[in-house]
Amino acid sequence: MSLSELYTQKFKSKNRDHFAAIVSLALADGKITKEEQAFINRTAINLEIDEDEVKHIIENIDSYKINPPVLKRERLERLYDLSRMVFADNIADEAEKELMHRLVIGLGFEQNEANSIIEKSFKEIIKGSDEDEFIAAF
């Protein structure tokens, strides 16, 4: 396997894992709404995940683990996407908040800071911050 193939494979795996975390949030309340599905579809396109793999991930969501990014910016980019998913249906229910708490810790944020990070991320999403504004807020 060449270095470029190895890099491409690692990049795809990272994108797939991030996508699976987003799907986990969408499924936290037991169903995927139209708004969540639209967000999932857009995210799949952006992360270059094909339709068959999307279907496989949704059907086998429990088999995907969170692989935390090393860089803070990458963690914040993922946090931004996850926070947007929580509000995709304009409702942040308790199941989504609980899963979000676990995902924030899984992304590598400190456990004792998780609640304040989630609160701040939700405020930024509600405020309408784009990704760069969201990251700058942290």
N, C-alpha and C. Protein backbone atom coordinates (compact mmCIF):
# COMPACT_ATOMS: atom_id res chain seq x y z
N MET A 1 0.85 -1.18 0.00
CA MET A 1 0.00 0.00 0.00
C MET A 1 0.89 1.24 0.00
N SER A 2 0.64 2.15 -0.92
CA SER A 2 1.44 3.36 -1.03
C SER A 2 1.08 4.34 0.09
N LEU A 3 1.95 5.31 0.26
CA LEU A 3 1.72 6.33 1.28
C LEU A 3 0.44 7.11 0.99
N SER A 4 0.20 7.44 -0.27
CA SER A 4 -1.01 8.20 -0.62
C SER A 4 -2.27 7.37 -0.37
N GLU A 5 -2.20 6.06 -0.63
CA GLU A 5 -3.36 5.20 -0.35
C GLU A 5 -3.62 5.11 1.15
N LEU A 6 -2.54 5.01 1.92
CA LEU A 6 -2.66 4.95 3.38
C LEU A 6 -3.27 6.25 3.91
N TYR A 7 -2.79 7.39 3.40
CA TYR A 7 -3.32 8.69 3.82
C TYR A 7 -4.80 8.81 3.46
N THR A 8 -5.14 8.42 2.24
CA THR A 8 -6.53 8.49 1.78
C THR A 8 -7.43 7.61 2.64
N GLN A 9 -6.96 6.42 2.95
CA GLN A 9 -7.73 5.48 3.77
C GLN A 9 -7.95 6.04 5.18
N LYS A 10 -6.90 6.64 5.75
CA LYS A 10 -7.01 7.22 7.09
C LYS A 10 -7.98 8.40 7.08
N PHE A 11 -7.90 9.23 6.04
CA PHE A 11 -8.79 10.38 5.90
C PHE A 11 -10.24 9.92 5.79
N LYS A 12 -10.49 8.91 4.99
CA LYS A 12 -11.85 8.38 4.82
C LYS A 12 -12.37 7.79 6.12
N SER A 13 -11.51 7.09 6.84
CA SER A 13 -11.90 6.50 8.11
C SER A 13 -12.27 7.58 9.12
N LYS A 14 -11.48 8.65 9.15
CA LYS A 14 -11.75 9.77 10.05
C LYS A 14 -13.09 10.42 9.72
N ASN A 15 -13.34 10.63 8.44
CA ASN A 15 -14.62 11.21 8.01
C ASN A 15 -15.79 10.31 8.36
N ARG A 16 -15.62 9.01 8.16
CA ARG A 16 -16.69 8.05 8.45
C ARG A 16 -17.01 8.06 9.95
N ASP A 17 -15.98 8.08 10.78
CA ASP A 17 -16.19 8.09 12.23
C ASP A 17 -16.90 9.37 12.67
N HIS A 18 -16.51 10.49 12.09
CA HIS A 18 -17.16 11.77 12.41
C HIS A 18 -18.62 11.73 11.97
N PHE A 19 -18.86 11.21 10.80
CA PHE A 19 -20.22 11.09 10.29
C PHE A 19 -21.05 10.19 11.20
N ALA A 20 -20.47 9.10 11.67
CA ALA A 20 -21.19 8.17 12.56
C ALA A 20 -21.57 8.87 13.86
N ALA A 21 -20.71 9.75 14.37
CA ALA A 21 -21.05 10.49 15.59
C ALA A 21 -22.25 11.40 15.35
N ILE A 22 -22.32 12.00 14.18
CA ILE A 22 -23.45 12.86 13.82
C ILE A 22 -24.73 12.03 13.73
N VAL A 23 -24.63 10.87 13.10
CA VAL A 23 -25.79 9.98 12.98
C VAL A 23 -26.25 9.53 14.37
N SER A 24 -25.29 9.25 15.26
CA SER A 24 -25.64 8.86 16.64
C SER A 24 -26.50 9.91 17.31
N LEU A 25 -26.14 11.17 17.12
CA LEU A 25 -26.93 12.25 17.71
C LEU A 25 -28.32 12.30 17.10
N ALA A 26 -28.39 12.12 15.80
CA ALA A 26 -29.71 12.15 15.14
C ALA A 26 -30.59 11.02 15.65
N LEU A 27 -30.00 9.88 15.93
CA LEU A 27 -30.76 8.71 16.39
C LEU A 27 -30.99 8.68 17.90
N ALA A 28 -30.43 9.65 18.62
CA ALA A 28 -30.52 9.63 20.08
C ALA A 28 -31.94 9.60 20.60
N ASP A 29 -32.85 10.25 19.88
CA ASP A 29 -34.25 10.26 20.31
C ASP A 29 -35.07 9.18 19.62
N GLY A 30 -34.40 8.26 18.92
CA GLY A 30 -35.07 7.11 18.33
C GLY A 30 -35.56 7.29 16.91
N LYS A 31 -35.44 8.50 16.38
CA LYS A 31 -35.90 8.71 15.00
C LYS A 31 -35.08 9.81 14.35
N ILE A 32 -35.05 9.79 13.03
CA ILE A 32 -34.37 10.84 12.27
C ILE A 32 -35.45 11.68 11.60
N THR A 33 -35.50 12.96 11.97
CA THR A 33 -36.49 13.86 11.39
C THR A 33 -36.07 14.26 9.97
N LYS A 34 -36.98 14.90 9.24
CA LYS A 34 -36.66 15.38 7.89
C LYS A 34 -35.48 16.35 7.93
N GLU A 35 -35.48 17.23 8.91
CA GLU A 35 -34.41 18.21 9.03
C GLU A 35 -33.07 17.53 9.32
N GLU A 36 -33.10 16.55 10.23
CA GLU A 36 -31.88 15.81 10.54
C GLU A 36 -31.40 15.03 9.32
N GLN A 37 -32.33 14.42 8.59
CA GLN A 37 -31.96 13.65 7.40
C GLN A 37 -31.32 14.57 6.35
N ALA A 38 -31.86 15.77 6.21
CA ALA A 38 -31.28 16.73 5.26
C ALA A 38 -29.86 17.09 5.68
N PHE A 39 -29.65 17.29 6.98
CA PHE A 39 -28.31 17.60 7.48
C PHE A 39 -27.38 16.41 7.27
N ILE A 40 -27.86 15.21 7.55
CA ILE A 40 -27.08 13.99 7.33
C ILE A 40 -26.68 13.88 5.86
N ASN A 41 -27.62 14.12 4.97
CA ASN A 41 -27.33 14.02 3.54
C ASN A 41 -26.27 15.04 3.10
N ARG A 42 -26.40 16.28 3.58
CA ARG A 42 -25.41 17.31 3.23
C ARG A 42 -24.04 16.94 3.79
N THR A 43 -24.03 16.47 5.03
CA THR A 43 -22.77 16.10 5.66
C THR A 43 -22.12 14.93 4.93
N ALA A 44 -22.91 13.96 4.53
CA ALA A 44 -22.38 12.81 3.78
C ALA A 44 -21.71 13.27 2.49
N ILE A 45 -22.34 14.19 1.80
CA ILE A 45 -21.75 14.72 0.56
C ILE A 45 -20.44 15.43 0.86
N ASN A 46 -20.44 16.28 1.88
CA ASN A 46 -19.23 17.03 2.25
C ASN A 46 -18.09 16.12 2.68
N LEU A 47 -18.43 15.02 3.33
CA LEU A 47 -17.41 14.08 3.82
C LEU A 47 -17.13 12.95 2.83
N GLU A 48 -17.75 13.03 1.65
CA GLU A 48 -17.55 12.04 0.58
C GLU A 48 -17.91 10.63 1.03
N ILE A 49 -19.08 10.50 1.64
CA ILE A 49 -19.59 9.21 2.07
C ILE A 49 -20.75 8.86 1.16
N ASP A 50 -20.63 7.72 0.48
CA ASP A 50 -21.66 7.37 -0.51
C ASP A 50 -22.93 6.85 0.16
N GLU A 51 -24.00 6.79 -0.64
CA GLU A 51 -25.33 6.42 -0.14
C GLU A 51 -25.36 5.06 0.56
N ASP A 52 -24.68 4.07 -0.02
CA ASP A 52 -24.66 2.73 0.58
C ASP A 52 -24.00 2.75 1.95
N GLU A 53 -22.91 3.51 2.07
CA GLU A 53 -22.23 3.58 3.35
C GLU A 53 -23.07 4.34 4.38
N VAL A 54 -23.78 5.37 3.94
CA VAL A 54 -24.69 6.10 4.84
C VAL A 54 -25.72 5.13 5.41
N LYS A 55 -26.32 4.36 4.54
CA LYS A 55 -27.32 3.38 4.96
C LYS A 55 -26.72 2.37 5.94
N HIS A 56 -25.52 1.89 5.63
CA HIS A 56 -24.85 0.92 6.50
C HIS A 56 -24.57 1.52 7.88
N ILE A 57 -24.10 2.75 7.90
CA ILE A 57 -23.79 3.41 9.17
C ILE A 57 -25.06 3.58 10.01
N ILE A 58 -26.14 4.03 9.38
CA ILE A 58 -27.40 4.22 10.11
C ILE A 58 -27.90 2.90 10.68
N GLU A 59 -27.81 1.83 9.90
CA GLU A 59 -28.30 0.52 10.34
C GLU A 59 -27.40 -0.13 11.38
N ASN A 60 -26.12 0.25 11.43
CA ASN A 60 -25.15 -0.39 12.32
C ASN A 60 -24.44 0.63 13.21
N ILE A 61 -25.16 1.63 13.64
CA ILE A 61 -24.55 2.76 14.34
C ILE A 61 -23.78 2.34 15.60
N ASP A 62 -24.22 1.30 16.27
CA ASP A 62 -23.54 0.89 17.51
C ASP A 62 -22.15 0.31 17.29
N SER A 63 -21.80 0.00 16.06
CA SER A 63 -20.48 -0.57 15.80
C SER A 63 -19.42 0.49 15.50
N TYR A 64 -19.78 1.76 15.59
CA TYR A 64 -18.83 2.83 15.30
C TYR A 64 -18.37 3.51 16.58
N LYS A 65 -17.07 3.72 16.68
CA LYS A 65 -16.46 4.36 17.85
C LYS A 65 -16.06 5.79 17.49
N ILE A 66 -15.90 6.61 18.50
CA ILE A 66 -15.42 7.97 18.31
C ILE A 66 -13.89 7.93 18.31
N ASN A 67 -13.29 8.48 17.26
CA ASN A 67 -11.83 8.64 17.21
C ASN A 67 -11.53 10.12 17.37
N PRO A 68 -11.05 10.51 18.56
CA PRO A 68 -10.85 11.94 18.81
C PRO A 68 -9.74 12.54 17.96
N PRO A 69 -9.97 13.73 17.42
CA PRO A 69 -8.93 14.42 16.67
C PRO A 69 -7.83 14.88 17.62
N VAL A 70 -6.63 15.01 17.10
CA VAL A 70 -5.50 15.44 17.90
C VAL A 70 -5.49 16.96 18.06
N LEU A 71 -5.77 17.66 16.98
CA LEU A 71 -5.70 19.12 17.00
C LEU A 71 -6.98 19.74 17.57
N LYS A 72 -6.80 20.82 18.34
CA LYS A 72 -7.94 21.50 18.95
C LYS A 72 -8.91 22.00 17.89
N ARG A 73 -8.40 22.57 16.80
CA ARG A 73 -9.28 23.09 15.74
C ARG A 73 -10.15 21.98 15.18
N GLU A 74 -9.58 20.80 14.96
CA GLU A 74 -10.36 19.67 14.44
C GLU A 74 -11.44 19.25 15.42
N ARG A 75 -11.11 19.27 16.72
CA ARG A 75 -12.12 18.94 17.74
C ARG A 75 -13.26 19.95 17.69
N LEU A 76 -12.92 21.23 17.54
CA LEU A 76 -13.94 22.28 17.48
C LEU A 76 -14.77 22.19 16.20
N GLU A 77 -14.14 21.79 15.09
CA GLU A 77 -14.89 21.59 13.84
C GLU A 77 -15.92 20.49 14.02
N ARG A 78 -15.51 19.41 14.66
CA ARG A 78 -16.45 18.31 14.92
C ARG A 78 -17.54 18.74 15.89
N LEU A 79 -17.14 19.48 16.92
CA LEU A 79 -18.12 19.97 17.89
C LEU A 79 -19.15 20.86 17.19
N TYR A 80 -18.71 21.67 16.27
CA TYR A 80 -19.61 22.54 15.50
C TYR A 80 -20.64 21.70 14.76
N ASP A 81 -20.18 20.68 14.04
CA ASP A 81 -21.10 19.81 13.30
C ASP A 81 -22.07 19.09 14.23
N LEU A 82 -21.56 18.58 15.34
CA LEU A 82 -22.41 17.86 16.28
C LEU A 82 -23.46 18.80 16.90
N SER A 83 -23.04 20.00 17.24
CA SER A 83 -23.97 20.97 17.82
C SER A 83 -25.05 21.35 16.81
N ARG A 84 -24.67 21.50 15.56
CA ARG A 84 -25.66 21.80 14.52
C ARG A 84 -26.66 20.66 14.38
N MET A 85 -26.20 19.42 14.52
CA MET A 85 -27.10 18.28 14.40
C MET A 85 -28.13 18.30 15.53
N VAL A 86 -27.70 18.64 16.72
CA VAL A 86 -28.64 18.69 17.85
C VAL A 86 -29.79 19.65 17.54
N PHE A 87 -29.47 20.75 16.89
CA PHE A 87 -30.49 21.76 16.60
C PHE A 87 -31.07 21.65 15.19
N ALA A 88 -30.74 20.59 14.46
CA ALA A 88 -31.27 20.43 13.10
C ALA A 88 -32.78 20.36 13.09
N ASP A 89 -33.36 19.77 14.14
CA ASP A 89 -34.82 19.69 14.22
C ASP A 89 -35.38 20.77 15.15
N ASN A 90 -34.53 21.76 15.47
CA ASN A 90 -34.90 22.90 16.33
C ASN A 90 -35.27 22.50 17.75
N ILE A 91 -34.91 21.28 18.15
CA ILE A 91 -35.20 20.80 19.50
C ILE A 91 -33.97 20.08 20.03
N ALA A 92 -33.51 20.47 21.20
CA ALA A 92 -32.42 19.77 21.86
C ALA A 92 -33.03 18.96 22.99
N ASP A 93 -33.39 17.71 22.71
CA ASP A 93 -34.04 16.91 23.76
C ASP A 93 -32.99 16.28 24.68
N GLU A 94 -33.46 15.70 25.78
CA GLU A 94 -32.56 15.17 26.80
C GLU A 94 -31.67 14.05 26.28
N ALA A 95 -32.20 13.17 25.44
CA ALA A 95 -31.39 12.07 24.89
C ALA A 95 -30.24 12.63 24.05
N GLU A 96 -30.52 13.65 23.25
CA GLU A 96 -29.47 14.26 22.44
C GLU A 96 -28.44 14.96 23.32
N LYS A 97 -28.89 15.64 24.37
CA LYS A 97 -27.97 16.33 25.27
C LYS A 97 -27.07 15.33 26.00
N GLU A 98 -27.65 14.21 26.42
CA GLU A 98 -26.86 13.19 27.12
C GLU A 98 -25.81 12.59 26.19
N LEU A 99 -26.21 12.27 24.96
CA LEU A 99 -25.26 11.73 23.99
C LEU A 99 -24.21 12.78 23.65
N MET A 100 -24.61 14.01 23.52
CA MET A 100 -23.67 15.10 23.22
C MET A 100 -22.61 15.18 24.31
N HIS A 101 -23.02 15.01 25.56
CA HIS A 101 -22.07 15.04 26.68
C HIS A 101 -21.02 13.94 26.51
N ARG A 102 -21.46 12.75 26.17
CA ARG A 102 -20.52 11.63 25.96
C ARG A 102 -19.62 11.89 24.77
N LEU A 103 -20.18 12.44 23.69
CA LEU A 103 -19.39 12.72 22.49
C LEU A 103 -18.35 13.80 22.74
N VAL A 104 -18.70 14.82 23.51
CA VAL A 104 -17.75 15.90 23.82
C VAL A 104 -16.55 15.33 24.57
N ILE A 105 -16.80 14.48 25.52
CA ILE A 105 -15.70 13.83 26.26
C ILE A 105 -14.92 12.92 25.32
N GLY A 106 -15.65 12.19 24.47
CA GLY A 106 -15.00 11.31 23.50
C GLY A 106 -14.14 12.06 22.49
N LEU A 107 -14.48 13.31 22.22
CA LEU A 107 -13.68 14.12 21.30
C LEU A 107 -12.38 14.61 21.94
N GLY A 108 -12.24 14.40 23.25
CA GLY A 108 -11.00 14.77 23.91
C GLY A 108 -11.09 16.00 24.79
N PHE A 109 -12.29 16.53 24.97
CA PHE A 109 -12.46 17.66 25.89
C PHE A 109 -12.48 17.12 27.32
N GLU A 110 -12.06 17.94 28.27
CA GLU A 110 -12.02 17.52 29.67
C GLU A 110 -13.43 17.29 30.20
N GLN A 111 -13.58 16.23 30.98
CA GLN A 111 -14.89 15.87 31.53
C GLN A 111 -15.47 16.99 32.39
N ASN A 112 -14.62 17.62 33.19
CA ASN A 112 -15.11 18.68 34.09
C ASN A 112 -15.50 19.95 33.33
N GLU A 113 -15.14 20.05 32.05
CA GLU A 113 -15.50 21.21 31.23
C GLU A 113 -16.61 20.90 30.24
N ALA A 114 -17.04 19.65 30.16
CA ALA A 114 -17.98 19.21 29.13
C ALA A 114 -19.28 20.02 29.14
N ASN A 115 -19.88 20.20 30.30
CA ASN A 115 -21.16 20.92 30.36
C ASN A 115 -21.03 22.36 29.88
N SER A 116 -19.97 23.04 30.30
CA SER A 116 -19.80 24.44 29.87
C SER A 116 -19.48 24.51 28.37
N ILE A 117 -18.75 23.55 27.85
CA ILE A 117 -18.45 23.51 26.41
C ILE A 117 -19.74 23.30 25.62
N ILE A 118 -20.57 22.39 26.08
CA ILE A 118 -21.84 22.12 25.40
C ILE A 118 -22.73 23.35 25.45
N GLU A 119 -22.82 23.96 26.62
CA GLU A 119 -23.65 25.16 26.78
C GLU A 119 -23.19 26.27 25.83
N LYS A 120 -21.89 26.48 25.79
CA LYS A 120 -21.33 27.52 24.92
C LYS A 120 -21.57 27.17 23.45
N SER A 121 -21.39 25.91 23.10
CA SER A 121 -21.58 25.52 21.69
C SER A 121 -23.03 25.71 21.28
N PHE A 122 -23.97 25.37 22.15
CA PHE A 122 -25.39 25.56 21.84
C PHE A 122 -25.71 27.05 21.67
N LYS A 123 -25.14 27.89 22.54
CA LYS A 123 -25.38 29.34 22.43
C LYS A 123 -24.89 29.86 21.08
N GLU A 124 -23.73 29.38 20.65
CA GLU A 124 -23.18 29.83 19.37
C GLU A 124 -24.05 29.39 18.19
N ILE A 125 -24.57 28.17 18.27
CA ILE A 125 -25.45 27.67 17.19
C ILE A 125 -26.75 28.46 17.16
N ILE A 126 -27.33 28.68 18.33
CA ILE A 126 -28.58 29.45 18.41
C ILE A 126 -28.36 30.87 17.89
N LYS A 127 -27.19 31.42 18.17
CA LYS A 127 -26.85 32.77 17.72
C LYS A 127 -26.67 32.82 16.20
N GLY A 128 -26.45 31.66 15.58
CA GLY A 128 -26.28 31.62 14.13
C GLY A 128 -24.84 31.71 13.68
N SER A 129 -23.91 31.42 14.57
CA SER A 129 -22.49 31.50 14.23
C SER A 129 -22.14 30.52 13.12
N ASP A 130 -21.29 30.97 12.18
CA ASP A 130 -20.78 30.02 11.19
C ASP A 130 -19.60 29.29 11.82
N GLU A 131 -18.99 28.37 11.08
CA GLU A 131 -17.94 27.54 11.67
C GLU A 131 -16.77 28.37 12.20
N ASP A 132 -16.32 29.36 11.44
CA ASP A 132 -15.19 30.18 11.89
C ASP A 132 -15.53 30.99 13.14
N GLU A 133 -16.72 31.55 13.19
CA GLU A 133 -17.15 32.30 14.38
C GLU A 133 -17.27 31.37 15.58
N PHE A 134 -17.79 30.18 15.34
CA PHE A 134 -17.94 29.18 16.40
C PHE A 134 -16.57 28.85 16.99
N ILE A 135 -15.61 28.56 16.13
CA ILE A 135 -14.27 28.19 16.59
C ILE A 135 -13.61 29.36 17.33
N ALA A 136 -13.77 30.56 16.81
CA ALA A 136 -13.18 31.75 17.45
C ALA A 136 -13.75 31.98 18.84
N ALA A 137 -14.99 31.57 19.07
CA ALA A 137 -15.63 31.76 20.38
C ALA A 137 -14.98 30.91 21.47
N PHE A 138 -14.23 29.90 21.06
CA PHE A 138 -13.59 29.03 22.03
C PHE A 138 -12.12 29.40 22.20
